[in-house]
């Protein structure tokens, strides 16, 4: 299995850019909370402080003009200006770092996949309403381990986004014009919902975004299909046996797009990803070509767990949401890799 450790220079650049991006996201999030403006509005000859939230003029009055509201007004505009300058400075630094990321070869994620996730993060509010599952999650796991996986394992012309149905995207923080589909169009304006496949959007080059969610355990129970409630938005497809990924802890990791710009991927716990892939590889009704790929991807993540990601032991109680059979199989495969490593080490030992 082709797993290459990144060198110390690449590791340093990845750490530095990840930390810089974390600071940028924090500043950007606070800056977005100042969206709109604050102005004085005259009513019946008296001035009132009005907090305007968007270009439509929505907002509320904060009271008549006096020392208190004047202080609120002054603080708002001063802080907004300060955050705007800080945000621009951080963005400039990230732009400068793009060349270093490309030169170091850590710009692994296809630009369209990075742009899609980055657009969704415009409305991130500290929760994980959309989780990257499937092949693209491997970019997060290899970054966590500080390695590069075989490009064949990473090749994909689509991205699967799993919706945590307990949460909705807070579209109030942007100009809501079309829900999730409008966010995809920010990444690529040619994205459109596919006819008769309301869970799927595709762009002009055929890149596909699927919105999925776990099917309810009770077949007679219905759950929300729309992430945002917008008309003509994507409707999540219900997938059986996805609840294992759904119940898994979420890991947030900074990855680097092909253009050298970072983005945060929220992905399932790598152990659950591996267990799910190995389970898929054994399904009798799954196509042979997919089963081979599933097993290779599951084994690749197992190798990362065994060799690099020691904070994710296979017997952790965090995996109690997995069926016991999957936990047993995960442990068995983990032990098999350990035995193979010991055998290989013995063969390479002096005097063998």
C-alpha atoms as a PDB file:
ATOM      1  CA  UNK A   1       0.000   0.000   0.000  1.00  0.00           C
ATOM      2  CA  UNK A   2       1.502   3.292  -1.128  1.00  0.00           C
ATOM      3  CA  UNK A   3       1.612   5.661   1.869  1.00  0.00           C
ATOM      4  CA  UNK A   4       4.257   8.403   1.795  1.00  0.00           C
ATOM      5  CA  UNK A   5       5.099  10.546   4.796  1.00  0.00           C
ATOM      6  CA  UNK A   6       5.352  14.250   4.038  1.00  0.00           C
ATOM      7  CA  UNK A   7       8.709  15.872   4.813  1.00  0.00           C
ATOM      8  CA  UNK A   8       9.357  18.241   7.704  1.00  0.00           C
ATOM      9  CA  UNK A   9       9.110  21.362   5.547  1.00  0.00           C
ATOM     10  CA  UNK A  10       5.714  20.301   4.187  1.00  0.00           C
ATOM     11  CA  UNK A  11       4.576  19.415   7.698  1.00  0.00           C
ATOM     12  CA  UNK A  12       5.630  22.849   8.983  1.00  0.00           C
ATOM     13  CA  UNK A  13       3.809  24.645   6.168  1.00  0.00           C
ATOM     14  CA  UNK A  14       0.665  22.578   6.749  1.00  0.00           C
ATOM     15  CA  UNK A  15       0.688  23.348  10.481  1.00  0.00           C
ATOM     16  CA  UNK A  16       1.353  27.063   9.938  1.00  0.00           C
ATOM     17  CA  UNK A  17      -1.355  27.452   7.296  1.00  0.00           C
ATOM     18  CA  UNK A  18      -3.865  25.464   9.360  1.00  0.00           C
ATOM     19  CA  UNK A  19      -3.289  27.704  12.384  1.00  0.00           C
ATOM     20  CA  UNK A  20      -3.483  30.847  10.256  1.00  0.00           C
ATOM     21  CA  UNK A  21      -6.734  29.648   8.692  1.00  0.00           C
ATOM     22  CA  UNK A  22      -8.187  28.894  12.129  1.00  0.00           C
ATOM     23  CA  UNK A  23      -7.529  32.497  13.176  1.00  0.00           C
ATOM     24  CA  UNK A  24      -8.997  33.766   9.899  1.00  0.00           C
ATOM     25  CA  UNK A  25     -12.188  31.714  10.368  1.00  0.00           C
ATOM     26  CA  UNK A  26     -12.667  33.067  13.897  1.00  0.00           C
ATOM     27  CA  UNK A  27     -12.260  36.667  12.724  1.00  0.00           C
ATOM     28  CA  UNK A  28     -14.422  36.038   9.651  1.00  0.00           C
ATOM     29  CA  UNK A  29     -17.200  34.546  11.787  1.00  0.00           C
ATOM     30  CA  UNK A  30     -17.252  37.568  14.099  1.00  0.00           C
ATOM     31  CA  UNK A  31     -17.076  39.934  11.113  1.00  0.00           C
ATOM     32  CA  UNK A  32     -20.134  38.250   9.603  1.00  0.00           C
ATOM     33  CA  UNK A  33     -22.057  38.900  12.813  1.00  0.00           C
ATOM     34  CA  UNK A  34     -21.678  42.596  11.961  1.00  0.00           C
ATOM     35  CA  UNK A  35     -23.343  42.101   8.581  1.00  0.00           C
ATOM     36  CA  UNK A  36     -25.539  45.050   7.645  1.00  0.00           C
ATOM     37  CA  UNK A  37     -25.187  48.362   9.389  1.00  0.00           C
ATOM     38  CA  UNK A  38     -26.307  50.570  12.245  1.00  0.00           C
ATOM     39  CA  UNK A  39     -27.807  53.943  11.469  1.00  0.00           C
ATOM     40  CA  UNK A  40     -29.938  56.717  12.896  1.00  0.00           C
ATOM     41  CA  UNK A  41     -33.522  56.737  11.755  1.00  0.00           C
ATOM     42  CA  UNK A  42     -35.808  59.738  12.282  1.00  0.00           C
ATOM     43  CA  UNK A  43     -39.380  58.980  13.359  1.00  0.00           C
ATOM     44  CA  UNK A  44     -41.837  61.787  14.230  1.00  0.00           C
ATOM     45  CA  UNK A  45     -38.946  64.219  14.586  1.00  0.00           C
ATOM     46  CA  UNK A  46     -36.994  61.979  16.962  1.00  0.00           C
ATOM     47  CA  UNK A  47     -33.900  59.925  16.131  1.00  0.00           C
ATOM     48  CA  UNK A  48     -33.708  56.210  16.902  1.00  0.00           C
ATOM     49  CA  UNK A  49     -30.817  53.783  16.507  1.00  0.00           C
ATOM     50  CA  UNK A  50     -31.740  51.157  13.927  1.00  0.00           C
ATOM     51  CA  UNK A  51     -29.836  47.871  13.486  1.00  0.00           C
ATOM     52  CA  UNK A  52     -30.256  46.950   9.825  1.00  0.00           C
ATOM     53  CA  UNK A  53     -29.479  43.290   9.120  1.00  0.00           C
ATOM     54  CA  UNK A  54     -29.581  43.072   5.327  1.00  0.00           C
ATOM     55  CA  UNK A  55     -30.078  44.951   2.082  1.00  0.00           C
ATOM     56  CA  UNK A  56     -33.855  44.524   2.329  1.00  0.00           C
ATOM     57  CA  UNK A  57     -33.900  46.812   5.328  1.00  0.00           C
ATOM     58  CA  UNK A  58     -34.843  44.151   7.900  1.00  0.00           C
ATOM     59  CA  UNK A  59     -33.828  44.989  11.440  1.00  0.00           C
ATOM     60  CA  UNK A  60     -34.993  46.520  14.691  1.00  0.00           C
ATOM     61  CA  UNK A  61     -34.833  49.689  16.710  1.00  0.00           C
ATOM     62  CA  UNK A  62     -32.417  49.785  19.662  1.00  0.00           C
ATOM     63  CA  UNK A  63     -33.919  52.856  21.271  1.00  0.00           C
ATOM     64  CA  UNK A  64     -33.946  56.639  21.098  1.00  0.00           C
ATOM     65  CA  UNK A  65     -30.724  58.539  20.620  1.00  0.00           C
ATOM     66  CA  UNK A  66     -28.971  59.130  23.923  1.00  0.00           C
ATOM     67  CA  UNK A  67     -25.587  58.455  25.513  1.00  0.00           C
ATOM     68  CA  UNK A  68     -26.236  54.707  25.655  1.00  0.00           C
ATOM     69  CA  UNK A  69     -27.305  54.250  22.022  1.00  0.00           C
ATOM     70  CA  UNK A  70     -24.549  56.618  20.844  1.00  0.00           C
ATOM     71  CA  UNK A  71     -22.009  54.357  22.544  1.00  0.00           C
ATOM     72  CA  UNK A  72     -23.580  51.289  20.902  1.00  0.00           C
ATOM     73  CA  UNK A  73     -23.397  53.031  17.517  1.00  0.00           C
ATOM     74  CA  UNK A  74     -19.765  54.086  17.946  1.00  0.00           C
ATOM     75  CA  UNK A  75     -18.645  50.676  19.228  1.00  0.00           C
ATOM     76  CA  UNK A  76     -20.412  48.859  16.394  1.00  0.00           C
ATOM     77  CA  UNK A  77     -18.756  50.817  13.617  1.00  0.00           C
ATOM     78  CA  UNK A  78     -15.345  50.836  15.304  1.00  0.00           C
ATOM     79  CA  UNK A  79     -15.372  47.076  15.869  1.00  0.00           C
ATOM     80  CA  UNK A  80     -16.681  46.347  12.371  1.00  0.00           C
ATOM     81  CA  UNK A  81     -13.903  48.449  10.841  1.00  0.00           C
ATOM     82  CA  UNK A  82     -11.298  46.765  13.053  1.00  0.00           C
ATOM     83  CA  UNK A  83     -12.504  43.278  12.139  1.00  0.00           C
ATOM     84  CA  UNK A  84     -12.638  44.190   8.447  1.00  0.00           C
ATOM     85  CA  UNK A  85      -9.016  45.300   8.482  1.00  0.00           C
ATOM     86  CA  UNK A  86      -7.907  42.247  10.443  1.00  0.00           C
ATOM     87  CA  UNK A  87      -9.853  39.936   8.130  1.00  0.00           C
ATOM     88  CA  UNK A  88      -8.249  41.499   5.044  1.00  0.00           C
ATOM     89  CA  UNK A  89      -4.774  41.216   6.546  1.00  0.00           C
ATOM     90  CA  UNK A  90      -5.274  37.521   7.354  1.00  0.00           C
ATOM     91  CA  UNK A  91      -6.724  36.839   3.914  1.00  0.00           C
ATOM     92  CA  UNK A  92      -3.722  38.532   2.320  1.00  0.00           C
ATOM     93  CA  UNK A  93      -1.392  36.300   4.339  1.00  0.00           C
ATOM     94  CA  UNK A  94      -3.328  33.184   3.326  1.00  0.00           C
ATOM     95  CA  UNK A  95      -3.105  34.275  -0.292  1.00  0.00           C
ATOM     96  CA  UNK A  96       0.657  34.661   0.064  1.00  0.00           C
ATOM     97  CA  UNK A  97       0.898  31.169   1.594  1.00  0.00           C
ATOM     98  CA  UNK A  98      -0.853  29.527  -1.359  1.00  0.00           C
ATOM     99  CA  UNK A  99       2.372  29.334  -3.349  1.00  0.00           C
ATOM    100  CA  UNK A 100       4.159  27.622  -0.456  1.00  0.00           C
ATOM    101  CA  UNK A 101       1.354  25.054  -0.174  1.00  0.00           C
ATOM    102  CA  UNK A 102       1.562  24.263  -3.873  1.00  0.00           C
ATOM    103  CA  UNK A 103       5.372  24.078  -3.820  1.00  0.00           C
ATOM    104  CA  UNK A 104       5.235  21.741  -0.806  1.00  0.00           C
ATOM    105  CA  UNK A 105       2.757  19.474  -2.597  1.00  0.00           C
ATOM    106  CA  UNK A 106       0.161  19.576   0.183  1.00  0.00           C
ATOM    107  CA  UNK A 107      -2.527  21.043  -2.099  1.00  0.00           C
ATOM    108  CA  UNK A 108      -4.298  17.708  -2.425  1.00  0.00           C
ATOM    109  CA  UNK A 109      -8.041  18.394  -2.570  1.00  0.00           C
ATOM    110  CA  UNK A 110      -9.664  19.006  -5.966  1.00  0.00           C
ATOM    111  CA  UNK A 111     -10.524  22.694  -6.183  1.00  0.00           C
ATOM    112  CA  UNK A 112     -14.205  22.082  -6.896  1.00  0.00           C
ATOM    113  CA  UNK A 113     -14.565  19.881  -3.791  1.00  0.00           C
ATOM    114  CA  UNK A 114     -12.799  22.508  -1.656  1.00  0.00           C
ATOM    115  CA  UNK A 115     -14.942  25.295  -3.131  1.00  0.00           C
ATOM    116  CA  UNK A 116     -18.161  23.373  -2.427  1.00  0.00           C
ATOM    117  CA  UNK A 117     -17.295  22.759   1.224  1.00  0.00           C
ATOM    118  CA  UNK A 118     -15.990  26.307   1.651  1.00  0.00           C
ATOM    119  CA  UNK A 119     -19.285  27.693   0.328  1.00  0.00           C
ATOM    120  CA  UNK A 120     -21.252  25.596   2.805  1.00  0.00           C
ATOM    121  CA  UNK A 121     -19.004  26.870   5.601  1.00  0.00           C
ATOM    122  CA  UNK A 122     -20.228  30.395   4.847  1.00  0.00           C
ATOM    123  CA  UNK A 123     -23.154  29.540   7.103  1.00  0.00           C
ATOM    124  CA  UNK A 124     -21.392  27.325   9.621  1.00  0.00           C
ATOM    125  CA  UNK A 125     -22.455  28.197  13.148  1.00  0.00           C
ATOM    126  CA  UNK A 126     -20.264  25.941  15.268  1.00  0.00           C
ATOM    127  CA  UNK A 127     -22.217  22.745  14.601  1.00  0.00           C
ATOM    128  CA  UNK A 128     -21.742  20.191  11.840  1.00  0.00           C
ATOM    129  CA  UNK A 129     -24.879  20.306   9.689  1.00  0.00           C
ATOM    130  CA  UNK A 130     -23.035  18.818   6.701  1.00  0.00           C
ATOM    131  CA  UNK A 131     -20.378  16.129   7.008  1.00  0.00           C
ATOM    132  CA  UNK A 132     -18.043  15.042   4.205  1.00  0.00           C
ATOM    133  CA  UNK A 133     -18.316  11.271   3.755  1.00  0.00           C
ATOM    134  CA  UNK A 134     -17.042   8.878   1.107  1.00  0.00           C
ATOM    135  CA  UNK A 135     -13.758   9.171  -0.779  1.00  0.00           C
ATOM    136  CA  UNK A 136     -13.190  12.876  -0.074  1.00  0.00           C
ATOM    137  CA  UNK A 137     -12.961  12.182   3.668  1.00  0.00           C
ATOM    138  CA  UNK A 138      -9.626  10.475   2.958  1.00  0.00           C
ATOM    139  CA  UNK A 139      -8.021  13.883   2.408  1.00  0.00           C
ATOM    140  CA  UNK A 140      -8.754  14.718   6.044  1.00  0.00           C
ATOM    141  CA  UNK A 141      -7.394  11.432   7.348  1.00  0.00           C
ATOM    142  CA  UNK A 142      -4.118  11.684   5.422  1.00  0.00           C
ATOM    143  CA  UNK A 143      -3.617  15.231   6.722  1.00  0.00           C
ATOM    144  CA  UNK A 144      -4.260  14.064  10.272  1.00  0.00           C
ATOM    145  CA  UNK A 145      -1.521  11.446   9.807  1.00  0.00           C
ATOM    146  CA  UNK A 146       0.888  13.713   7.924  1.00  0.00           C
ATOM    147  CA  UNK A 147       1.046  11.420   4.908  1.00  0.00           C
ATOM    148  CA  UNK A 148      -0.061  11.181   1.295  1.00  0.00           C
ATOM    149  CA  UNK A 149      -2.173   8.216   0.266  1.00  0.00           C
ATOM    150  CA  UNK A 150      -2.052   6.611  -3.162  1.00  0.00           C
ATOM    151  CA  UNK A 151      -3.780   9.033  -5.595  1.00  0.00           C
ATOM    152  CA  UNK A 152      -5.766   6.109  -7.029  1.00  0.00           C
ATOM    153  CA  UNK A 153      -7.595   5.775  -3.702  1.00  0.00           C
ATOM    154  CA  UNK A 154      -8.468   9.483  -3.706  1.00  0.00           C
ATOM    155  CA  UNK A 155      -9.761   9.896  -7.255  1.00  0.00           C
ATOM    156  CA  UNK A 156     -13.413  10.949  -7.341  1.00  0.00           C
ATOM    157  CA  UNK A 157     -15.753  12.957  -9.520  1.00  0.00           C
ATOM    158  CA  UNK A 158     -18.299  13.603  -6.804  1.00  0.00           C
ATOM    159  CA  UNK A 159     -18.649  14.538  -3.156  1.00  0.00           C
ATOM    160  CA  UNK A 160     -21.159  13.156  -0.657  1.00  0.00           C
ATOM    161  CA  UNK A 161     -22.446  15.491   2.043  1.00  0.00           C
ATOM    162  CA  UNK A 162     -24.263  13.826   4.922  1.00  0.00           C
ATOM    163  CA  UNK A 163     -26.841  15.988   6.648  1.00  0.00           C
ATOM    164  CA  UNK A 164     -27.252  15.920  10.406  1.00  0.00           C
ATOM    165  CA  UNK A 165     -31.049  16.152  10.380  1.00  0.00           C
ATOM    166  CA  UNK A 166     -31.066  17.549  13.936  1.00  0.00           C
ATOM    167  CA  UNK A 167     -29.607  20.775  12.592  1.00  0.00           C
ATOM    168  CA  UNK A 168     -30.456  23.200   9.815  1.00  0.00           C
ATOM    169  CA  UNK A 169     -28.199  25.614   8.026  1.00  0.00           C
ATOM    170  CA  UNK A 170     -28.629  29.104   9.389  1.00  0.00           C
ATOM    171  CA  UNK A 171     -29.249  30.894   6.121  1.00  0.00           C
ATOM    172  CA  UNK A 172     -30.212  34.071   7.974  1.00  0.00           C
ATOM    173  CA  UNK A 173     -26.539  34.979   8.151  1.00  0.00           C
ATOM    174  CA  UNK A 174     -26.335  35.252   4.369  1.00  0.00           C
ATOM    175  CA  UNK A 175     -28.769  36.630   1.813  1.00  0.00           C
ATOM    176  CA  UNK A 176     -31.003  33.548   1.537  1.00  0.00           C
ATOM    177  CA  UNK A 177     -32.000  33.230  -2.101  1.00  0.00           C
ATOM    178  CA  UNK A 178     -32.146  29.554  -2.797  1.00  0.00           C
ATOM    179  CA  UNK A 179     -30.922  27.408   0.065  1.00  0.00           C
ATOM    180  CA  UNK A 180     -28.147  24.865  -0.305  1.00  0.00           C
ATOM    181  CA  UNK A 181     -28.277  24.998  -4.086  1.00  0.00           C
ATOM    182  CA  UNK A 182     -27.515  28.722  -3.965  1.00  0.00           C
ATOM    183  CA  UNK A 183     -24.412  27.944  -1.894  1.00  0.00           C
ATOM    184  CA  UNK A 184     -23.259  25.414  -4.477  1.00  0.00           C
ATOM    185  CA  UNK A 185     -23.670  28.077  -7.141  1.00  0.00           C
ATOM    186  CA  UNK A 186     -21.245  30.248  -5.177  1.00  0.00           C
ATOM    187  CA  UNK A 187     -18.680  27.514  -5.774  1.00  0.00           C
ATOM    188  CA  UNK A 188     -19.659  27.075  -9.431  1.00  0.00           C
ATOM    189  CA  UNK A 189     -22.547  28.952 -10.994  1.00  0.00           C
ATOM    190  CA  UNK A 190     -23.264  26.032 -13.344  1.00  0.00           C
ATOM    191  CA  UNK A 191     -24.452  23.756 -10.516  1.00  0.00           C
ATOM    192  CA  UNK A 192     -28.077  22.771 -10.931  1.00  0.00           C
ATOM    193  CA  UNK A 193     -30.381  20.177  -9.449  1.00  0.00           C
ATOM    194  CA  UNK A 194     -30.646  17.123 -11.653  1.00  0.00           C
ATOM    195  CA  UNK A 195     -34.082  16.202 -13.035  1.00  0.00           C
ATOM    196  CA  UNK A 196     -35.758  13.319 -11.173  1.00  0.00           C
ATOM    197  CA  UNK A 197     -32.822  13.224  -8.733  1.00  0.00           C
ATOM    198  CA  UNK A 198     -33.678  15.924  -6.212  1.00  0.00           C
ATOM    199  CA  UNK A 199     -30.821  14.907  -3.885  1.00  0.00           C
ATOM    200  CA  UNK A 200     -28.168  15.567  -6.553  1.00  0.00           C
ATOM    201  CA  UNK A 201     -26.654  18.640  -8.184  1.00  0.00           C
ATOM    202  CA  UNK A 202     -24.160  18.638 -11.035  1.00  0.00           C
ATOM    203  CA  UNK A 203     -22.086  21.333 -12.697  1.00  0.00           C
ATOM    204  CA  UNK A 204     -21.282  21.803 -16.381  1.00  0.00           C
ATOM    205  CA  UNK A 205     -18.231  19.530 -16.110  1.00  0.00           C
ATOM    206  CA  UNK A 206     -20.228  16.680 -14.574  1.00  0.00           C
ATOM    207  CA  UNK A 207     -18.975  17.058 -10.999  1.00  0.00           C
ATOM    208  CA  UNK A 208     -21.707  15.765  -8.681  1.00  0.00           C
ATOM    209  CA  UNK A 209     -22.788  16.784  -5.173  1.00  0.00           C
ATOM    210  CA  UNK A 210     -25.088  14.347  -3.369  1.00  0.00           C
ATOM    211  CA  UNK A 211     -27.014  15.267  -0.216  1.00  0.00           C
ATOM    212  CA  UNK A 212     -27.709  12.178   1.861  1.00  0.00           C
ATOM    213  CA  UNK A 213     -29.029  11.297   5.291  1.00  0.00           C
ATOM    214  CA  UNK A 214     -29.661   8.098   7.272  1.00  0.00           C
ATOM    215  CA  UNK A 215     -32.952   6.353   6.617  1.00  0.00           C
ATOM    216  CA  UNK A 216     -35.136   6.224   9.761  1.00  0.00           C
ATOM    217  CA  UNK A 217     -35.080   2.944  11.662  1.00  0.00           C
ATOM    218  CA  UNK A 218     -38.886   2.913  11.524  1.00  0.00           C
ATOM    219  CA  UNK A 219     -39.888   2.630   7.871  1.00  0.00           C
ATOM    220  CA  UNK A 220     -43.198   4.321   8.680  1.00  0.00           C
ATOM    221  CA  UNK A 221     -41.470   7.351  10.174  1.00  0.00           C
ATOM    222  CA  UNK A 222     -40.759  10.324   7.941  1.00  0.00           C
ATOM    223  CA  UNK A 223     -38.011  12.886   8.481  1.00  0.00           C
ATOM    224  CA  UNK A 224     -37.316  16.276   6.968  1.00  0.00           C
ATOM    225  CA  UNK A 225     -35.975  16.049   3.439  1.00  0.00           C
ATOM    226  CA  UNK A 226     -35.083  19.720   2.961  1.00  0.00           C
ATOM    227  CA  UNK A 227     -32.006  21.118   4.634  1.00  0.00           C
ATOM    228  CA  UNK A 228     -33.191  24.707   4.398  1.00  0.00           C
ATOM    229  CA  UNK A 229     -36.877  24.682   3.518  1.00  0.00           C
ATOM    230  CA  UNK A 230     -36.284  26.633   0.314  1.00  0.00           C
ATOM    231  CA  UNK A 231     -38.403  25.741  -2.692  1.00  0.00           C
ATOM    232  CA  UNK A 232     -36.484  23.785  -5.364  1.00  0.00           C
ATOM    233  CA  UNK A 233     -33.591  23.162  -2.974  1.00  0.00           C
ATOM    234  CA  UNK A 234     -31.854  19.785  -2.790  1.00  0.00           C
ATOM    235  CA  UNK A 235     -33.768  17.096  -0.899  1.00  0.00           C
ATOM    236  CA  UNK A 236     -31.690  14.588   1.042  1.00  0.00           C
ATOM    237  CA  UNK A 237     -31.779  10.962  -0.125  1.00  0.00           C
ATOM    238  CA  UNK A 238     -32.327   8.404   2.624  1.00  0.00           C
ATOM    239  CA  UNK A 239     -29.574   5.786   2.760  1.00  0.00           C
ATOM    240  CA  UNK A 240     -29.940   2.567   4.724  1.00  0.00           C
ATOM    241  CA  UNK A 241     -27.252   1.648   7.286  1.00  0.00           C
ATOM    242  CA  UNK A 242     -25.814   5.155   7.198  1.00  0.00           C
ATOM    243  CA  UNK A 243     -26.684   5.627  10.862  1.00  0.00           C
ATOM    244  CA  UNK A 244     -23.252   4.295  11.895  1.00  0.00           C
ATOM    245  CA  UNK A 245     -21.511   7.182  10.181  1.00  0.00           C
ATOM    246  CA  UNK A 246     -24.244   9.507  11.409  1.00  0.00           C
ATOM    247  CA  UNK A 247     -23.680   8.527  15.045  1.00  0.00           C
ATOM    248  CA  UNK A 248     -19.899   8.752  14.784  1.00  0.00           C
ATOM    249  CA  UNK A 249     -17.954  11.566  16.448  1.00  0.00           C
ATOM    250  CA  UNK A 250     -17.153  14.343  13.984  1.00  0.00           C
ATOM    251  CA  UNK A 251     -13.543  15.307  13.341  1.00  0.00           C
ATOM    252  CA  UNK A 252     -12.684  18.742  11.908  1.00  0.00           C
ATOM    253  CA  UNK A 253      -9.449  18.964   9.923  1.00  0.00           C
ATOM    254  CA  UNK A 254      -7.927  21.618   7.684  1.00  0.00           C
ATOM    255  CA  UNK A 255      -7.087  20.393   4.195  1.00  0.00           C
ATOM    256  CA  UNK A 256      -5.586  22.279   1.251  1.00  0.00           C
ATOM    257  CA  UNK A 257      -7.279  22.707  -2.117  1.00  0.00           C
ATOM    258  CA  UNK A 258      -5.440  22.358  -5.419  1.00  0.00           C
ATOM    259  CA  UNK A 259      -5.252  26.151  -5.594  1.00  0.00           C
ATOM    260  CA  UNK A 260      -3.282  26.232  -2.335  1.00  0.00           C
ATOM    261  CA  UNK A 261      -6.110  27.688  -0.262  1.00  0.00           C
ATOM    262  CA  UNK A 262      -7.268  25.866   2.910  1.00  0.00           C
ATOM    263  CA  UNK A 263     -10.704  24.616   3.887  1.00  0.00           C
ATOM    264  CA  UNK A 264     -12.029  22.712   6.911  1.00  0.00           C
ATOM    265  CA  UNK A 265     -13.496  19.263   6.286  1.00  0.00           C
ATOM    266  CA  UNK A 266     -15.864  17.861   8.917  1.00  0.00           C
ATOM    267  CA  UNK A 267     -15.579  14.079   8.576  1.00  0.00           C
ATOM    268  CA  UNK A 268     -16.626  10.970  10.540  1.00  0.00           C
ATOM    269  CA  UNK A 269     -14.272   9.433  13.063  1.00  0.00           C
ATOM    270  CA  UNK A 270     -11.655   7.552  10.963  1.00  0.00           C
ATOM    271  CA  UNK A 271     -12.323   4.274  12.805  1.00  0.00           C
ATOM    272  CA  UNK A 272     -15.996   4.392  11.888  1.00  0.00           C
ATOM    273  CA  UNK A 273     -15.116   5.297   8.308  1.00  0.00           C
ATOM    274  CA  UNK A 274     -12.841   2.238   8.096  1.00  0.00           C
ATOM    275  CA  UNK A 275     -15.430  -0.051   9.702  1.00  0.00           C
ATOM    276  CA  UNK A 276     -18.144   1.188   7.337  1.00  0.00           C
ATOM    277  CA  UNK A 277     -15.934   0.731   4.261  1.00  0.00           C
ATOM    278  CA  UNK A 278     -14.996  -2.818   5.288  1.00  0.00           C
ATOM    279  CA  UNK A 279     -18.669  -3.616   5.869  1.00  0.00           C
ATOM    280  CA  UNK A 280     -19.583  -2.259   2.427  1.00  0.00           C
ATOM    281  CA  UNK A 281     -16.881  -4.439   0.864  1.00  0.00           C
ATOM    282  CA  UNK A 282     -18.686  -7.558   2.139  1.00  0.00           C
ATOM    283  CA  UNK A 283     -22.184  -6.740   0.895  1.00  0.00           C
ATOM    284  CA  UNK A 284     -23.312  -9.450  -1.518  1.00  0.00           C
ATOM    285  CA  UNK A 285     -25.352  -7.081  -3.671  1.00  0.00           C
ATOM    286  CA  UNK A 286     -22.612  -4.456  -4.065  1.00  0.00           C
ATOM    287  CA  UNK A 287     -20.754  -4.320  -7.386  1.00  0.00           C
ATOM    288  CA  UNK A 288     -17.374  -6.059  -7.438  1.00  0.00           C
ATOM    289  CA  UNK A 289     -15.497  -2.945  -8.554  1.00  0.00           C
ATOM    290  CA  UNK A 290     -16.919  -0.922  -5.665  1.00  0.00           C
ATOM    291  CA  UNK A 291     -16.214  -3.683  -3.149  1.00  0.00           C
ATOM    292  CA  UNK A 292     -12.536  -3.784  -4.087  1.00  0.00           C
ATOM    293  CA  UNK A 293     -12.277   0.014  -3.754  1.00  0.00           C
ATOM    294  CA  UNK A 294     -14.157  -0.041  -0.424  1.00  0.00           C
ATOM    295  CA  UNK A 295     -11.760  -2.616   1.028  1.00  0.00           C
ATOM    296  CA  UNK A 296      -8.681  -0.757  -0.171  1.00  0.00           C
ATOM    297  CA  UNK A 297      -9.914   2.518   1.287  1.00  0.00           C
ATOM    298  CA  UNK A 298     -10.910   0.861   4.568  1.00  0.00           C
ATOM    299  CA  UNK A 299      -7.520  -0.854   4.846  1.00  0.00           C
ATOM    300  CA  UNK A 300      -5.717   2.390   4.036  1.00  0.00           C
ATOM    301  CA  UNK A 301      -7.407   4.169   6.937  1.00  0.00           C
ATOM    302  CA  UNK A 302      -6.734   1.180   9.195  1.00  0.00           C
ATOM    303  CA  UNK A 303      -3.055   1.486   8.295  1.00  0.00           C
ATOM    304  CA  UNK A 304      -3.132   5.170   9.255  1.00  0.00           C
ATOM    305  CA  UNK A 305      -4.799   4.277  12.557  1.00  0.00           C
ATOM    306  CA  UNK A 306      -2.248   1.587  13.340  1.00  0.00           C
ATOM    307  CA  UNK A 307       0.865   3.547  12.333  1.00  0.00           C
ATOM    308  CA  UNK A 308       0.064   7.223  12.934  1.00  0.00           C
ATOM    309  CA  UNK A 309      -3.294   7.969  14.562  1.00  0.00           C
ATOM    310  CA  UNK A 310      -2.670   6.469  17.972  1.00  0.00           C
ATOM    311  CA  UNK A 311      -5.264   8.736  19.587  1.00  0.00           C
ATOM    312  CA  UNK A 312      -7.940   6.603  17.882  1.00  0.00           C
ATOM    313  CA  UNK A 313      -7.698   3.082  19.409  1.00  0.00           C
ATOM    314  CA  UNK A 314     -10.072   0.479  17.911  1.00  0.00           C
ATOM    315  CA  UNK A 315     -11.477  -0.527  21.314  1.00  0.00           C
ATOM    316  CA  UNK A 316     -12.507   2.989  22.372  1.00  0.00           C
ATOM    317  CA  UNK A 317     -15.924   3.479  23.984  1.00  0.00           C
ATOM    318  CA  UNK A 318     -16.502   6.293  21.509  1.00  0.00           C
ATOM    319  CA  UNK A 319     -17.361   3.515  19.029  1.00  0.00           C
ATOM    320  CA  UNK A 320     -20.250   2.126  21.063  1.00  0.00           C
ATOM    321  CA  UNK A 321     -22.666   3.395  18.393  1.00  0.00           C
ATOM    322  CA  UNK A 322     -21.313   0.767  15.996  1.00  0.00           C
ATOM    323  CA  UNK A 323     -22.901  -2.696  15.908  1.00  0.00           C
ATOM    324  CA  UNK A 324     -20.778  -5.200  17.827  1.00  0.00           C
ATOM    325  CA  UNK A 325     -20.092  -7.193  14.660  1.00  0.00           C
ATOM    326  CA  UNK A 326     -18.502  -4.148  13.021  1.00  0.00           C
ATOM    327  CA  UNK A 327     -16.458  -3.362  16.131  1.00  0.00           C
ATOM    328  CA  UNK A 328     -15.229  -6.950  16.248  1.00  0.00           C
ATOM    329  CA  UNK A 329     -14.298  -6.854  12.561  1.00  0.00           C
ATOM    330  CA  UNK A 330     -12.495  -3.543  13.017  1.00  0.00           C
ATOM    331  CA  UNK A 331     -10.434  -4.965  15.890  1.00  0.00           C
ATOM    332  CA  UNK A 332      -9.716  -8.140  13.908  1.00  0.00           C
ATOM    333  CA  UNK A 333      -8.487  -6.205  10.864  1.00  0.00           C
ATOM    334  CA  UNK A 334      -6.447  -3.900  13.102  1.00  0.00           C
ATOM    335  CA  UNK A 335      -4.780  -6.911  14.737  1.00  0.00           C
ATOM    336  CA  UNK A 336      -4.114  -8.471  11.318  1.00  0.00           C
ATOM    337  CA  UNK A 337      -2.205  -5.361  10.241  1.00  0.00           C
ATOM    338  CA  UNK A 338      -0.203  -5.430  13.485  1.00  0.00           C
ATOM    339  CA  UNK A 339       0.783  -9.078  12.839  1.00  0.00           C
ATOM    340  CA  UNK A 340       1.770  -8.258   9.244  1.00  0.00           C
ATOM    341  CA  UNK A 341       3.919  -5.356  10.456  1.00  0.00           C
ATOM    342  CA  UNK A 342       5.668  -7.578  13.015  1.00  0.00           C
ATOM    343  CA  UNK A 343       6.342 -10.223  10.365  1.00  0.00           C
ATOM    344  CA  UNK A 344       7.754  -7.643   7.970  1.00  0.00           C
ATOM    345  CA  UNK A 345       9.949  -6.127  10.700  1.00  0.00           C
ATOM    346  CA  UNK A 346      11.339  -9.581  11.482  1.00  0.00           C
ATOM    347  CA  UNK A 347      12.195 -10.171   7.829  1.00  0.00           C
ATOM    348  CA  UNK A 348      14.050  -6.873   7.654  1.00  0.00           C
ATOM    349  CA  UNK A 349      15.939  -7.446  10.895  1.00  0.00           C
ATOM    350  CA  UNK A 350      19.726  -8.021  10.643  1.00  0.00           C
ATOM    351  CA  UNK A 351      20.653 -11.676  10.385  1.00  0.00           C
ATOM    352  CA  UNK A 352      17.264 -12.848   9.104  1.00  0.00           C
END
